[in-house]
């Protein structure tokens, strides 16, 4: 019974919070997203600095209620007694469920370097963001970035 009340209360809180502002689609063409994340690494041994990432994405095509297509770049860094870096370019598609909750997918290519190895690799992410205000959200993403499989962070919309 307590679990049911807790679930109903959380759903009601999300419903109320999602109506805190009136924009239909906060991310549209011409807007810019900046995201800072911390990732869960693929390898835990010898980890000195977990994967930290910074990305930016510019809205290119606005499809109205159907979503927004953007393009951006991602830089991610980790340290396992050696610097592991990744710099990628990606395309992202964002779909807002309501004014506060959006889901997105990203795919791209990038340069990766660790130890003495380097090369080009793919980037695939699926995620969701919850906007507490029209310009600030918490974000979770899962997928493949070469350095992490799960990323948690914050998103700023300009």
Protein backbone atom coordinates (compact mmCIF):
# COMPACT_ATOMS: atom_id res chain seq x y z
CA UNK A 1 0.00 0.00 0.00
CA UNK A 2 2.83 2.40 0.87
CA UNK A 3 4.54 1.65 -2.44
CA UNK A 4 1.33 2.40 -4.36
CA UNK A 5 0.89 5.74 -2.57
CA UNK A 6 4.54 6.60 -3.25
CA UNK A 7 4.23 5.77 -6.97
CA UNK A 8 1.01 7.80 -7.30
CA UNK A 9 2.60 10.73 -5.46
CA UNK A 10 5.67 10.65 -7.73
CA UNK A 11 3.52 10.50 -10.86
CA UNK A 12 1.43 13.42 -9.63
CA UNK A 13 4.58 15.41 -8.88
CA UNK A 14 5.91 14.74 -12.40
CA UNK A 15 2.58 15.76 -13.93
CA UNK A 16 2.53 19.02 -11.98
CA UNK A 17 6.20 19.74 -12.70
CA UNK A 18 5.71 19.13 -16.41
CA UNK A 19 3.17 22.00 -16.54
CA UNK A 20 5.52 24.57 -15.00
CA UNK A 21 6.03 26.44 -18.27
CA UNK A 22 4.12 26.82 -21.51
CA UNK A 23 6.56 26.03 -24.32
CA UNK A 24 5.65 23.10 -26.57
CA UNK A 25 9.15 22.23 -27.72
CA UNK A 26 11.96 24.07 -25.91
CA UNK A 27 14.65 22.69 -28.24
CA UNK A 28 14.10 23.86 -31.81
CA UNK A 29 16.14 25.06 -34.76
CA UNK A 30 18.45 27.87 -33.75
CA UNK A 31 18.73 26.71 -30.12
CA UNK A 32 21.89 25.35 -28.56
CA UNK A 33 22.27 22.54 -25.99
CA UNK A 34 25.32 22.16 -23.74
CA UNK A 35 25.66 18.91 -21.82
CA UNK A 36 28.12 17.90 -19.08
CA UNK A 37 28.19 14.22 -18.10
CA UNK A 38 29.95 11.62 -16.01
CA UNK A 39 29.98 8.09 -17.39
CA UNK A 40 30.17 4.58 -16.08
CA UNK A 41 33.32 3.09 -17.62
CA UNK A 42 33.67 -0.19 -19.47
CA UNK A 43 36.83 -0.97 -17.49
CA UNK A 44 37.11 -0.37 -13.74
CA UNK A 45 40.67 -1.58 -13.11
CA UNK A 46 43.29 1.17 -12.90
CA UNK A 47 40.63 3.87 -13.16
CA UNK A 48 41.96 7.23 -11.96
CA UNK A 49 39.42 9.60 -13.56
CA UNK A 50 36.01 8.32 -14.67
CA UNK A 51 34.77 9.26 -18.14
CA UNK A 52 33.74 12.91 -18.11
CA UNK A 53 32.18 14.47 -21.15
CA UNK A 54 31.21 17.82 -22.57
CA UNK A 55 29.05 18.19 -25.66
CA UNK A 56 27.29 20.88 -27.60
CA UNK A 57 24.46 20.53 -30.10
CA UNK A 58 22.82 23.06 -32.39
CA UNK A 59 19.20 22.64 -33.54
CA UNK A 60 19.14 22.55 -37.34
CA UNK A 61 15.70 21.39 -38.48
CA UNK A 62 12.53 21.82 -36.42
CA UNK A 63 9.73 19.38 -37.27
CA UNK A 64 7.28 20.97 -34.81
CA UNK A 65 5.59 18.40 -32.56
CA UNK A 66 7.51 15.63 -34.40
CA UNK A 67 10.85 16.73 -32.94
CA UNK A 68 14.08 18.50 -33.77
CA UNK A 69 17.18 17.38 -35.64
CA UNK A 70 20.48 18.76 -34.44
CA UNK A 71 24.21 18.40 -35.02
CA UNK A 72 26.98 18.64 -32.50
CA UNK A 73 30.25 17.53 -31.04
CA UNK A 74 31.32 15.50 -28.01
CA UNK A 75 34.59 15.43 -26.10
CA UNK A 76 35.08 12.69 -23.50
CA UNK A 77 38.08 12.01 -21.26
CA UNK A 78 39.09 9.27 -18.83
CA UNK A 79 42.35 8.27 -17.15
CA UNK A 80 43.46 4.67 -16.62
CA UNK A 81 47.14 5.46 -15.92
CA UNK A 82 46.98 6.84 -19.46
CA UNK A 83 44.89 9.51 -21.10
CA UNK A 84 41.87 8.12 -22.99
CA UNK A 85 40.19 10.72 -25.16
CA UNK A 86 37.42 10.84 -27.70
CA UNK A 87 36.31 13.68 -29.93
CA UNK A 88 33.21 12.96 -32.03
CA UNK A 89 30.77 14.70 -34.34
CA UNK A 90 27.18 13.50 -34.20
CA UNK A 91 23.62 14.06 -35.35
CA UNK A 92 20.86 13.99 -32.75
CA UNK A 93 17.10 13.71 -32.92
CA UNK A 94 15.04 15.04 -29.98
CA UNK A 95 11.37 14.34 -29.38
CA UNK A 96 9.48 16.07 -26.55
CA UNK A 97 6.84 13.94 -24.84
CA UNK A 98 5.59 17.07 -23.08
CA UNK A 99 7.09 20.46 -22.18
CA UNK A 100 9.48 18.95 -19.65
CA UNK A 101 10.37 15.43 -20.80
CA UNK A 102 12.24 14.58 -23.99
CA UNK A 103 13.83 11.47 -25.46
CA UNK A 104 16.66 11.55 -27.94
CA UNK A 105 18.99 9.45 -30.07
CA UNK A 106 22.48 10.37 -31.28
CA UNK A 107 24.81 8.77 -33.82
CA UNK A 108 28.17 9.88 -35.10
CA UNK A 109 31.82 9.25 -35.81
CA UNK A 110 34.88 10.37 -33.95
CA UNK A 111 38.56 10.12 -33.20
CA UNK A 112 39.70 8.01 -30.24
CA UNK A 113 43.08 7.70 -28.59
CA UNK A 114 44.31 5.64 -25.68
CA UNK A 115 47.81 4.42 -24.80
CA UNK A 116 49.53 4.40 -28.21
CA UNK A 117 46.43 3.38 -30.13
CA UNK A 118 44.19 5.72 -32.10
CA UNK A 119 41.54 5.51 -34.75
CA UNK A 120 38.04 6.35 -35.87
CA UNK A 121 35.01 4.83 -34.20
CA UNK A 122 31.25 5.08 -33.99
CA UNK A 123 29.06 6.75 -31.38
CA UNK A 124 25.54 5.55 -30.57
CA UNK A 125 23.43 6.93 -27.71
CA UNK A 126 19.79 6.87 -26.64
CA UNK A 127 18.67 9.00 -23.75
CA UNK A 128 16.15 11.14 -21.98
CA UNK A 129 16.16 14.54 -20.30
CA UNK A 130 13.83 16.06 -17.75
CA UNK A 131 13.65 19.88 -17.87
CA UNK A 132 13.06 21.45 -14.47
CA UNK A 133 13.05 24.88 -16.12
CA UNK A 134 13.00 25.85 -19.81
CA UNK A 135 16.81 26.07 -19.70
CA UNK A 136 17.98 23.31 -17.29
CA UNK A 137 17.56 19.53 -17.36
CA UNK A 138 18.99 16.34 -15.91
CA UNK A 139 19.98 13.78 -18.52
CA UNK A 140 20.65 10.05 -18.73
CA UNK A 141 22.06 8.34 -21.82
CA UNK A 142 22.93 4.74 -22.61
CA UNK A 143 24.84 3.39 -25.55
CA UNK A 144 28.36 3.30 -26.91
CA UNK A 145 30.88 6.15 -26.72
CA UNK A 146 34.04 4.01 -26.46
CA UNK A 147 34.67 5.26 -22.92
CA UNK A 148 31.30 4.70 -21.23
CA UNK A 149 28.04 2.83 -21.64
CA UNK A 150 25.90 4.93 -19.29
CA UNK A 151 26.18 8.69 -18.88
CA UNK A 152 24.46 10.91 -16.31
CA UNK A 153 24.60 14.66 -16.35
CA UNK A 154 23.03 18.05 -16.79
CA UNK A 155 21.84 19.88 -19.91
CA UNK A 156 21.62 23.63 -20.46
CA UNK A 157 19.46 25.03 -23.27
CA UNK A 158 20.21 28.40 -24.87
